[in-house]
Every structure is written in structure tokens, then in C-alpha cells.
């Protein structure tokens, strides 16, 4: 349960710091537009994404059980965060995030890090693809520049509203979005270690400002970004609110735990290391408490940013701390420039993020899996898209455990015996 940074610093040297410094700067340039885009897609103010990346990202690196884990806001939270804000307001989201932090701390103290293995992989695949579908469809409005005052949260209602607004398509917005996506893909293939996200979004957003095109930007829609972290504060807390928000807090804690441990496992395969799952859960708990106190979003380990850190040469948690500090410096010094980022460019970025989340290279493999696994993945996917994430996870895990018991041919009368 000891944070990884304590052991890695015992043999730390100048050469390792140089590698961590460059990796941290690189990851920060990737995380900056992503954090803003995720916050906006979640229905929150854009600066909350930066606050989360700074506060939670720093705590995850300082206290986590992985050498190279990078934390912050992720696309997996967009669906649940949007729903909580719509139903309970942003103050309710902050309380749910704080509650999730406490749940994760308790889970870490109870050494529940290994329980990730009990979640069936088809369930994880199903809700991940489902979240990707929801994220992608939520960005169509900004990608096309549609004049639509409000987009329904319900999936089929959203599609109907988008179709009804097709005559308001903004060709300039669509062009900016598509060019941004093309640049991101091209730069990623040509220069895998280069932070192409910030370059692509910066170039197309600069074109919008230079040409004066009628395309929404962060500043035109939300106003100027603040140039300082907010003062820590607590939301309104009462027993009735805690009961009301407990289901949302449990979902946030579940997602944070699952994604952070999956990300740490991916990092282990990339560096040949071994993470400490219980330390990671404790770090996630502290990070969500910290983010909530500063009015940020839920946070977890980010697989794509962690992989970027490894490819950029990150060696220890210091790289993650550098990433948080760099984003803080940008917020303090260059927030007005970040306000010029074009909304279609951020929409294109999130659509590509959703595509990568769905892991299309694995789709063919899904067809070769057992019929029961395919059914479990599809039912979780469909429920995630058309209902809500809590129901999808609950049904998926329950069905997955039932299928696992059936495969083992355990008689129903023995399910609750001690040796089971």
C-alpha cells in the first residue's frame, strides 16, 4: 500500500529527471485540450477539467501504486457526470465525487484492489463501447455547428433533435472539425511521441481566429477562463442528499477503480513493471476528494495519457507531477489563449477519443468469443446507450456472475456454502 514514488525516488538521478521532465511536458500538452473537452462534454464549465487534471492528476501520481500512471478527467465519466449535473446540479456532482473518494479510500484500506478480476471482461468491453457511442453522438452538434439550444440526454431523442436541426449545419465548423481530426491522426502516425493533439487543435483554432469564421470557441460560449485555482470549499451536505446521491457516488467509485486499475495493468505490460492495486485505490480516493474540494470533476487513471507518458520516456511518478504543474502554469499564464480553442476542433478530438475507447482492432475478436460472452457484452452496451450506466453495470455484473456460476456447474443449493 506504499505509494510507488517513495521507492522510485530511492535511486533517482538527474538523467531520470530529464526523462520525466520531457515526458511530463508532453503529456500535459495532450491532457490540456482533452481536459477542457471532457469537462464541456460533461455539462460542466471548461475550467473544471483543468482543475481536475491539476489537483487529481498530481495526487494520483504522488500517492498511486504505479510508476507511470497519469490521472485526470476521462471520457468514461462523461455519461454519468452529465446525468448527475442534469438531475442534481453541479453542487450535487461535487458531493457525489467527495463520496466516491471516501468509498475508494475504504476499498483501498480493505485491500479490494484485486476484486477487479471479478468484473467480467465482456461487461467492461460493453460499457466502454457504449460510453464511446454516447460520447461520439454528444459531439455531433458541435462538429456540425448546429443551431440547437438544447440536446436531449435520451439517446433516441438526441438523434431526432440532431436530425431536425440538419438545415442549420455550419460548413465552416464541419471543416474545422474534420481538418482537426485529420491532423490528429496524421501527426500521431508520423510522430507517435509528439503531442499532436495540442498542435492540431491549436492550428485549426488559430485559423478560426485569423479568418474570423462564425465558429464557436470556448471563450465565445463560456466566457474567459479563470487564471487561478478556486478556493477549496464543501458543498451542502445533509443525510437526505447523501442518500439521494449514493447510487451516483457508487458508480463514480466503480468507474474510477476499474479504469485506474485497468490503466495500471496496461502500463505494467508496457514497462514490465508491477503496480500496487491497493495503493492505487487509495490514491484514487484521495484524488477524488481533492478534486471535489476544489470543485473539480471525478478523476481516474487515464489509459491513453498513461500510454503517452510511457512512449514519451516517463520513468517514475515525477512525470505525472510535472504534467500537473505544467497544466497549472498554463492556467496561470496562458488561460486566455486556451479560450480561443474552437468547439468543432474539441468535438473532433472527443470523437476520435471515443473511437479509440471502443478499441476497433478488437471487434473481429469479439465475434470469435463464446456466445454467452457476446450476449453479455451486447446487453451491457445497449443498456449503457439507451438507459443509464448504473443499470448497465448492475445488470452486466449480475448476469456475468450467473454465467460464471453456470459454467462451473455449481448446484444452486451450494452457492452460499463457505467453500464457494
Protein backbone atom coordinates (compact mmCIF):
# COMPACT_ATOMS: atom_id res chain seq x y z
CA UNK A 1 0.00 0.00 0.00
CA UNK A 2 3.08 2.25 -0.07
CA UNK A 3 2.98 4.88 -2.86
CA UNK A 4 5.28 3.96 -5.72
CA UNK A 5 7.01 7.35 -5.65
CA UNK A 6 8.70 6.52 -2.33
CA UNK A 7 10.51 3.51 -3.76
CA UNK A 8 11.33 5.02 -7.16
CA UNK A 9 12.97 8.09 -5.59
CA UNK A 10 15.47 5.94 -3.70
CA UNK A 11 17.54 5.53 -6.89
CA UNK A 12 16.51 8.76 -8.60
CA UNK A 13 19.13 10.68 -10.61
CA UNK A 14 19.47 13.63 -12.98
CA UNK A 15 19.10 11.51 -16.11
CA UNK A 16 15.82 10.04 -14.87
CA UNK A 17 14.54 13.52 -14.01
CA UNK A 18 15.36 14.70 -17.53
CA UNK A 19 13.31 11.85 -18.99
CA UNK A 20 10.42 12.52 -16.58
CA UNK A 21 10.52 16.25 -17.31
CA UNK A 22 10.17 15.82 -21.07
CA UNK A 23 7.50 13.13 -20.69
CA UNK A 24 5.53 15.27 -18.24
CA UNK A 25 5.53 18.26 -20.60
CA UNK A 26 4.47 16.05 -23.49
CA UNK A 27 1.58 14.50 -21.54
CA UNK A 28 0.46 17.94 -20.34
CA UNK A 29 0.13 19.12 -23.94
CA UNK A 30 -2.07 16.09 -24.64
CA UNK A 31 -4.08 16.42 -21.43
CA UNK A 32 -4.77 20.14 -21.78
CA UNK A 33 -7.26 20.07 -24.70
CA UNK A 34 -8.66 16.72 -23.57
CA UNK A 35 -9.42 18.02 -20.07
CA UNK A 36 -11.23 21.04 -21.47
CA UNK A 37 -13.19 18.96 -23.97
CA UNK A 38 -14.22 16.33 -21.40
CA UNK A 39 -15.45 18.99 -18.99
CA UNK A 40 -17.54 20.68 -21.68
CA UNK A 41 -18.98 17.36 -22.89
CA UNK A 42 -19.89 16.53 -19.28
CA UNK A 43 -22.03 19.65 -19.00
CA UNK A 44 -19.55 21.40 -16.70
CA UNK A 45 -17.55 24.60 -17.05
CA UNK A 46 -14.36 24.06 -19.08
CA UNK A 47 -12.04 25.16 -16.29
CA UNK A 48 -13.23 22.25 -14.11
CA UNK A 49 -11.35 19.93 -16.45
CA UNK A 50 -8.11 21.83 -15.83
CA UNK A 51 -8.71 21.85 -12.07
CA UNK A 52 -9.20 18.07 -12.14
CA UNK A 53 -6.06 17.46 -14.18
CA UNK A 54 -4.01 19.63 -11.82
CA UNK A 55 -5.32 18.56 -8.41
CA UNK A 56 -6.37 14.96 -9.02
CA UNK A 57 -3.59 14.32 -11.53
CA UNK A 58 -0.99 15.46 -9.04
CA UNK A 59 -2.42 13.39 -6.18
CA UNK A 60 -2.70 10.23 -8.30
CA UNK A 61 0.98 10.50 -9.24
CA UNK A 62 2.11 11.38 -5.72
CA UNK A 63 0.15 8.66 -3.92
CA UNK A 64 -0.50 5.98 -6.57
CA UNK A 65 0.75 2.46 -6.91
CA UNK A 66 2.00 2.72 -10.49
CA UNK A 67 5.31 4.13 -11.72
CA UNK A 68 3.84 5.80 -14.80
CA UNK A 69 0.10 6.25 -14.23
CA UNK A 70 -1.33 9.60 -15.38
CA UNK A 71 -4.62 10.66 -13.80
CA UNK A 72 -7.29 13.23 -14.54
CA UNK A 73 -10.76 13.54 -16.07
CA UNK A 74 -11.58 10.82 -18.60
CA UNK A 75 -14.21 10.13 -21.23
CA UNK A 76 -15.62 7.23 -19.21
CA UNK A 77 -17.12 9.73 -16.73
CA UNK A 78 -18.87 11.93 -19.29
CA UNK A 79 -22.12 9.95 -19.27
CA UNK A 80 -22.52 9.69 -15.51
CA UNK A 81 -21.30 13.24 -14.81
CA UNK A 82 -23.70 14.72 -17.36
CA UNK A 83 -26.57 12.81 -15.76
CA UNK A 84 -25.69 13.86 -12.21
CA UNK A 85 -25.38 17.52 -13.17
CA UNK A 86 -28.68 17.43 -15.06
CA UNK A 87 -30.52 15.87 -12.10
CA UNK A 88 -28.75 17.29 -9.05
CA UNK A 89 -26.81 20.32 -10.29
CA UNK A 90 -23.07 20.83 -10.17
CA UNK A 91 -23.14 21.08 -6.38
CA UNK A 92 -24.62 17.57 -6.34
CA UNK A 93 -21.81 16.30 -8.58
CA UNK A 94 -19.20 17.71 -6.20
CA UNK A 95 -20.81 15.93 -3.25
CA UNK A 96 -21.05 12.67 -5.23
CA UNK A 97 -17.34 12.99 -6.14
CA UNK A 98 -16.40 13.50 -2.49
CA UNK A 99 -18.50 10.46 -1.52
CA UNK A 100 -16.83 8.41 -4.25
CA UNK A 101 -13.46 9.44 -2.84
CA UNK A 102 -14.42 8.12 0.59
CA UNK A 103 -15.69 4.86 -0.94
CA UNK A 104 -12.41 4.37 -2.80
CA UNK A 105 -10.37 5.08 0.34
CA UNK A 106 -12.36 2.44 2.22
CA UNK A 107 -11.92 -0.01 -0.67
CA UNK A 108 -8.16 0.56 -0.62
CA UNK A 109 -7.95 0.09 3.16
CA UNK A 110 -9.94 -3.15 2.82
CA UNK A 111 -7.44 -4.28 0.15
CA UNK A 112 -10.09 -4.59 -2.53
CA UNK A 113 -7.69 -3.85 -5.39
CA UNK A 114 -7.69 -7.44 -6.62
CA UNK A 115 -11.50 -7.52 -6.92
CA UNK A 116 -11.21 -6.03 -10.41
CA UNK A 117 -10.83 -9.62 -11.58
CA UNK A 118 -14.44 -10.34 -10.54
CA UNK A 119 -15.83 -7.91 -13.13
CA UNK A 120 -16.38 -9.94 -16.33
CA UNK A 121 -14.33 -8.64 -19.25
CA UNK A 122 -17.39 -8.60 -21.61
CA UNK A 123 -19.09 -6.20 -19.18
CA UNK A 124 -16.07 -3.87 -19.25
CA UNK A 125 -15.94 -4.07 -23.06
CA UNK A 126 -19.68 -3.48 -23.34
CA UNK A 127 -19.94 -0.39 -21.19
CA UNK A 128 -16.72 1.02 -22.66
CA UNK A 129 -18.08 0.77 -26.22
CA UNK A 130 -21.45 2.08 -25.03
CA UNK A 131 -19.82 5.11 -23.42
CA UNK A 132 -17.89 5.69 -26.66
CA UNK A 133 -21.16 5.71 -28.63
CA UNK A 134 -22.73 8.20 -26.23
CA UNK A 135 -19.66 10.47 -26.32
CA UNK A 136 -19.50 10.45 -30.13
CA UNK A 137 -23.19 11.26 -30.57
CA UNK A 138 -22.98 14.03 -27.98
CA UNK A 139 -20.33 15.79 -30.10
CA UNK A 140 -22.25 15.79 -33.40
CA UNK A 141 -23.90 19.13 -32.61
CA UNK A 142 -20.59 20.98 -32.18
CA UNK A 143 -18.86 19.11 -35.01
CA UNK A 144 -21.58 20.22 -37.43
CA UNK A 145 -22.08 23.62 -35.81
CA UNK A 146 -25.83 23.01 -35.48
CA UNK A 147 -28.06 25.70 -34.02
CA UNK A 148 -29.71 23.65 -31.31
CA UNK A 149 -30.34 25.35 -27.96
CA UNK A 150 -30.61 22.09 -26.02
CA UNK A 151 -29.79 18.49 -26.92
CA UNK A 152 -31.90 15.84 -25.13
CA UNK A 153 -29.95 13.44 -22.94
CA UNK A 154 -32.03 10.44 -24.04
CA UNK A 155 -30.28 8.68 -26.93
CA UNK A 156 -33.10 8.40 -29.47
CA UNK A 157 -34.42 11.85 -28.57
CA UNK A 158 -30.94 13.21 -29.17
CA UNK A 159 -30.76 11.63 -32.62
CA UNK A 160 -34.19 13.02 -33.51
CA UNK A 161 -33.22 16.53 -32.37
CA UNK A 162 -29.96 16.44 -34.34
CA UNK A 163 -31.77 15.27 -37.46
CA UNK A 164 -34.34 18.02 -37.07
CA UNK A 165 -31.59 20.67 -36.93
CA UNK A 166 -29.76 19.48 -40.06
CA UNK A 167 -30.65 22.60 -42.03
CA UNK A 168 -28.58 24.72 -39.61
CA UNK A 169 -25.33 22.94 -40.50
CA UNK A 170 -22.30 25.27 -40.36
CA UNK A 171 -19.88 24.34 -43.16
CA UNK A 172 -17.00 26.23 -41.50
CA UNK A 173 -17.48 24.32 -38.25
CA UNK A 174 -17.59 20.99 -40.05
CA UNK A 175 -14.43 21.82 -41.98
CA UNK A 176 -12.57 22.79 -38.79
CA UNK A 177 -13.67 19.59 -37.07
CA UNK A 178 -12.69 17.32 -39.95
CA UNK A 179 -9.33 19.03 -40.51
CA UNK A 180 -8.57 18.74 -36.79
CA UNK A 181 -9.34 15.02 -36.85
CA UNK A 182 -7.20 14.54 -39.93
CA UNK A 183 -4.27 16.40 -38.37
CA UNK A 184 -4.51 14.41 -35.14
CA UNK A 185 -4.46 11.09 -36.99
CA UNK A 186 -1.71 12.20 -39.37
CA UNK A 187 0.54 13.60 -36.64
CA UNK A 188 0.02 10.55 -34.46
CA UNK A 189 1.13 8.24 -37.26
CA UNK A 190 4.04 10.38 -38.41
CA UNK A 191 5.31 11.40 -34.96
CA UNK A 192 3.99 8.96 -32.32
CA UNK A 193 5.84 10.65 -29.45
CA UNK A 194 4.86 14.19 -30.46
CA UNK A 195 1.88 15.87 -28.67
CA UNK A 196 -0.10 16.21 -31.89
CA UNK A 197 -3.41 16.89 -30.11
CA UNK A 198 -2.47 20.37 -28.93
CA UNK A 199 -0.84 21.18 -32.28
CA UNK A 200 -3.88 20.11 -34.29
CA UNK A 201 -6.40 21.90 -32.08
CA UNK A 202 -4.13 24.97 -31.89
CA UNK A 203 -3.68 25.22 -35.67
CA UNK A 204 -7.36 24.91 -36.55
CA UNK A 205 -8.43 27.19 -33.69
CA UNK A 206 -5.87 29.75 -34.85
CA UNK A 207 -7.33 29.53 -38.35
CA UNK A 208 -10.79 30.31 -36.96
CA UNK A 209 -9.45 33.38 -35.15
CA UNK A 210 -7.41 34.53 -38.16
CA UNK A 211 -10.21 34.16 -40.70
CA UNK A 212 -12.96 35.40 -38.39
CA UNK A 213 -15.21 32.45 -39.25
CA UNK A 214 -18.57 32.12 -37.43
CA UNK A 215 -17.44 29.19 -35.30
CA UNK A 216 -17.99 28.87 -31.55
CA UNK A 217 -14.95 28.90 -29.26
CA UNK A 218 -14.60 28.20 -25.55
CA UNK A 219 -14.49 31.93 -24.84
CA UNK A 220 -17.46 32.86 -27.02
CA UNK A 221 -19.63 30.21 -25.37
CA UNK A 222 -18.39 30.15 -21.77
CA UNK A 223 -16.53 33.41 -21.31
CA UNK A 224 -12.91 33.87 -20.25
CA UNK A 225 -11.19 31.03 -18.43
CA UNK A 226 -10.06 31.82 -14.85
CA UNK A 227 -6.33 32.21 -14.25
CA UNK A 228 -6.18 30.68 -10.78
CA UNK A 229 -7.33 27.62 -8.90
CA UNK A 230 -10.58 28.06 -6.94
CA UNK A 231 -10.59 28.22 -3.17
CA UNK A 232 -11.35 24.82 -1.59
CA UNK A 233 -14.90 24.54 -0.29
CA UNK A 234 -17.52 21.98 0.68
CA UNK A 235 -20.96 21.62 -0.93
CA UNK A 236 -24.17 21.46 1.07
CA UNK A 237 -24.11 18.17 2.98
CA UNK A 238 -27.16 16.53 4.54
CA UNK A 239 -28.28 12.97 5.20
CA UNK A 240 -31.04 13.26 2.59
CA UNK A 241 -28.59 14.45 -0.09
CA UNK A 242 -26.16 11.67 0.76
CA UNK A 243 -28.90 9.05 0.35
CA UNK A 244 -30.03 10.67 -2.89
CA UNK A 245 -26.52 10.77 -4.37
CA UNK A 246 -25.24 7.42 -3.08
CA UNK A 247 -26.06 5.49 -6.31
CA UNK A 248 -24.17 8.06 -8.39
CA UNK A 249 -21.23 8.01 -5.97
CA UNK A 250 -21.06 4.22 -6.19
CA UNK A 251 -20.99 4.36 -9.99
CA UNK A 252 -18.26 7.03 -9.93
CA UNK A 253 -16.21 4.98 -7.47
CA UNK A 254 -16.69 1.83 -9.55
CA UNK A 255 -15.60 3.55 -12.76
CA UNK A 256 -12.63 5.22 -11.09
CA UNK A 257 -11.47 1.96 -9.55
CA UNK A 258 -11.94 -0.14 -12.68
CA UNK A 259 -10.38 2.30 -15.14
CA UNK A 260 -7.43 3.17 -12.90
CA UNK A 261 -6.56 -0.48 -12.28
CA UNK A 262 -7.01 -1.37 -15.96
CA UNK A 263 -4.75 1.54 -16.89
CA UNK A 264 -2.15 0.42 -14.35
CA UNK A 265 -2.28 -3.11 -15.81
CA UNK A 266 -1.74 -1.71 -19.32
CA UNK A 267 1.20 0.32 -18.03
CA UNK A 268 2.69 -2.78 -16.39
CA UNK A 269 2.67 -4.58 -19.74
CA UNK A 270 4.37 -1.62 -21.42
CA UNK A 271 7.18 -1.20 -18.89
CA UNK A 272 7.43 -4.72 -17.49
CA UNK A 273 6.51 -3.50 -14.01
CA UNK A 274 4.11 -4.40 -11.23
CA UNK A 275 1.67 -1.87 -9.79
CA UNK A 276 0.27 -1.85 -6.25
CA UNK A 277 -3.52 -2.08 -6.63
CA UNK A 278 -4.45 -1.12 -3.08
CA UNK A 279 -2.16 1.91 -3.12
CA UNK A 280 -3.76 2.85 -6.44
CA UNK A 281 -7.27 2.71 -4.94
CA UNK A 282 -6.14 4.87 -2.02
CA UNK A 283 -4.67 7.39 -4.46
CA UNK A 284 -7.91 7.45 -6.46
CA UNK A 285 -9.83 8.11 -3.27
CA UNK A 286 -7.54 10.97 -2.26
CA UNK A 287 -7.63 12.36 -5.81
CA UNK A 288 -11.43 12.46 -5.95
CA UNK A 289 -11.60 14.04 -2.50
CA UNK A 290 -9.08 16.65 -3.60
CA UNK A 291 -10.82 17.29 -6.90
CA UNK A 292 -14.18 17.63 -5.16
CA UNK A 293 -12.82 20.11 -2.61
CA UNK A 294 -11.57 22.33 -5.45
CA UNK A 295 -14.83 21.97 -7.41
CA UNK A 296 -13.37 19.60 -9.99
CA UNK A 297 -14.71 16.53 -11.78
CA UNK A 298 -14.34 12.84 -10.89
CA UNK A 299 -10.91 11.53 -11.81
CA UNK A 300 -9.17 8.26 -12.53
CA UNK A 301 -6.14 6.85 -14.28
CA UNK A 302 -6.24 7.68 -18.00
CA UNK A 303 -5.11 4.83 -20.23
CA UNK A 304 -4.29 6.95 -23.30
CA UNK A 305 -2.36 9.58 -21.32
CA UNK A 306 -0.53 6.88 -19.37
CA UNK A 307 0.50 5.21 -22.64
CA UNK A 308 1.62 8.61 -23.96
CA UNK A 309 3.73 9.06 -20.84
CA UNK A 310 5.44 5.69 -21.37
CA UNK A 311 6.07 6.36 -25.07
CA UNK A 312 7.48 9.81 -24.21
CA UNK A 313 10.02 8.27 -21.86
CA UNK A 314 8.39 8.70 -18.43
CA UNK A 315 10.14 6.61 -15.78
CA UNK A 316 8.62 7.49 -12.39
CA UNK A 317 5.60 9.28 -10.85
CA UNK A 318 7.58 12.52 -11.12
CA UNK A 319 6.47 12.69 -14.77
CA UNK A 320 2.86 12.82 -13.61
CA UNK A 321 3.67 15.58 -11.13
CA UNK A 322 5.39 17.56 -13.90
CA UNK A 323 2.28 17.11 -16.08
CA UNK A 324 0.09 18.60 -13.32
CA UNK A 325 2.47 21.52 -12.72
CA UNK A 326 2.69 22.35 -16.44
CA UNK A 327 -1.11 22.49 -16.74
CA UNK A 328 -1.19 24.73 -13.65
CA UNK A 329 1.34 27.08 -15.27
CA UNK A 330 -0.72 27.20 -18.46
CA UNK A 331 -3.81 28.04 -16.40
CA UNK A 332 -1.99 30.82 -14.54
CA UNK A 333 -0.26 32.31 -17.58
CA UNK A 334 -2.00 31.34 -20.81
CA UNK A 335 -5.68 30.76 -19.95
CA UNK A 336 -6.84 33.50 -22.38
CA UNK A 337 -5.13 31.65 -25.27
CA UNK A 338 -6.87 28.39 -24.30
CA UNK A 339 -10.17 30.26 -24.57
CA UNK A 340 -9.66 30.56 -28.34
CA UNK A 341 -9.92 26.79 -28.84
CA UNK A 342 -12.69 26.11 -31.37
CA UNK A 343 -15.60 23.96 -30.27
CA UNK A 344 -15.66 21.88 -33.50
CA UNK A 345 -11.96 21.14 -33.01
CA UNK A 346 -12.61 19.86 -29.49
CA UNK A 347 -15.61 17.89 -30.79
CA UNK A 348 -13.41 16.21 -33.38
CA UNK A 349 -10.87 15.41 -30.68
CA UNK A 350 -13.52 13.76 -28.50
CA UNK A 351 -14.96 11.77 -31.39
CA UNK A 352 -11.51 10.33 -32.06
CA UNK A 353 -11.15 9.66 -28.33
CA UNK A 354 -14.44 7.76 -28.40
CA UNK A 355 -13.29 5.78 -31.44
CA UNK A 356 -10.07 4.78 -29.65
CA UNK A 357 -12.03 3.91 -26.48
CA UNK A 358 -14.09 1.40 -28.46
CA UNK A 359 -10.86 -0.41 -29.49
CA UNK A 360 -11.92 -1.23 -33.09
CA UNK A 361 -8.89 -3.52 -33.52
CA UNK A 362 -10.62 -5.94 -31.12
CA UNK A 363 -14.03 -6.06 -32.84
CA UNK A 364 -13.19 -9.05 -35.02
CA UNK A 365 -12.00 -10.95 -31.97
CA UNK A 366 -15.34 -10.39 -30.24
CA UNK A 367 -17.04 -12.44 -32.97
CA UNK A 368 -14.91 -15.45 -32.03
CA UNK A 369 -15.79 -15.35 -28.34
CA UNK A 370 -18.36 -17.57 -26.65
CA UNK A 371 -21.98 -16.82 -27.43
CA UNK A 372 -22.68 -16.03 -23.76
CA UNK A 373 -19.79 -13.52 -23.66
CA UNK A 374 -21.05 -11.81 -26.82
CA UNK A 375 -24.55 -11.62 -25.33
CA UNK A 376 -23.19 -10.17 -22.09
CA UNK A 377 -21.18 -7.52 -23.95
CA UNK A 378 -24.08 -6.55 -26.23
CA UNK A 379 -26.65 -6.29 -23.43
CA UNK A 380 -24.27 -4.11 -21.39
CA UNK A 381 -23.55 -1.95 -24.45
CA UNK A 382 -27.23 -1.47 -25.29
CA UNK A 383 -28.23 -0.68 -21.70
CA UNK A 384 -25.38 1.85 -21.44
CA UNK A 385 -26.57 3.66 -24.55
CA UNK A 386 -30.35 3.61 -24.11
CA UNK A 387 -30.76 3.62 -20.31
CA UNK A 388 -28.03 4.59 -17.85
CA UNK A 389 -24.63 3.38 -16.76
CA UNK A 390 -25.66 2.27 -13.26
CA UNK A 391 -28.31 -0.10 -14.64
CA UNK A 392 -25.96 -1.36 -17.35
CA UNK A 393 -23.18 -2.16 -14.87
CA UNK A 394 -25.57 -3.75 -12.36
CA UNK A 395 -27.25 -5.99 -14.92
CA UNK A 396 -23.96 -6.83 -16.63
CA UNK A 397 -22.15 -7.84 -13.44
CA UNK A 398 -25.15 -9.85 -12.19
CA UNK A 399 -25.50 -11.72 -15.49
CA UNK A 400 -21.75 -12.22 -15.68
CA UNK A 401 -21.60 -13.81 -12.24
CA UNK A 402 -24.60 -16.00 -13.08
CA UNK A 403 -22.93 -17.18 -16.29
CA UNK A 404 -19.69 -17.87 -14.43
CA UNK A 405 -21.53 -19.97 -11.84
CA UNK A 406 -23.34 -21.89 -14.54
CA UNK A 407 -20.07 -22.68 -16.32
CA UNK A 408 -18.69 -24.12 -13.13
CA UNK A 409 -21.82 -26.28 -12.78
CA UNK A 410 -22.32 -25.23 -9.18
CA UNK A 411 -25.66 -26.52 -7.81
CA UNK A 412 -27.91 -23.73 -6.62
CA UNK A 413 -28.08 -25.31 -3.14
CA UNK A 414 -24.31 -24.86 -2.75
CA UNK A 415 -23.94 -21.23 -3.91
CA UNK A 416 -23.70 -19.91 -0.36
CA UNK A 417 -21.54 -22.61 1.20
CA UNK A 418 -18.24 -21.41 2.70
CA UNK A 419 -16.05 -23.08 0.08
CA UNK A 420 -17.79 -21.19 -2.73
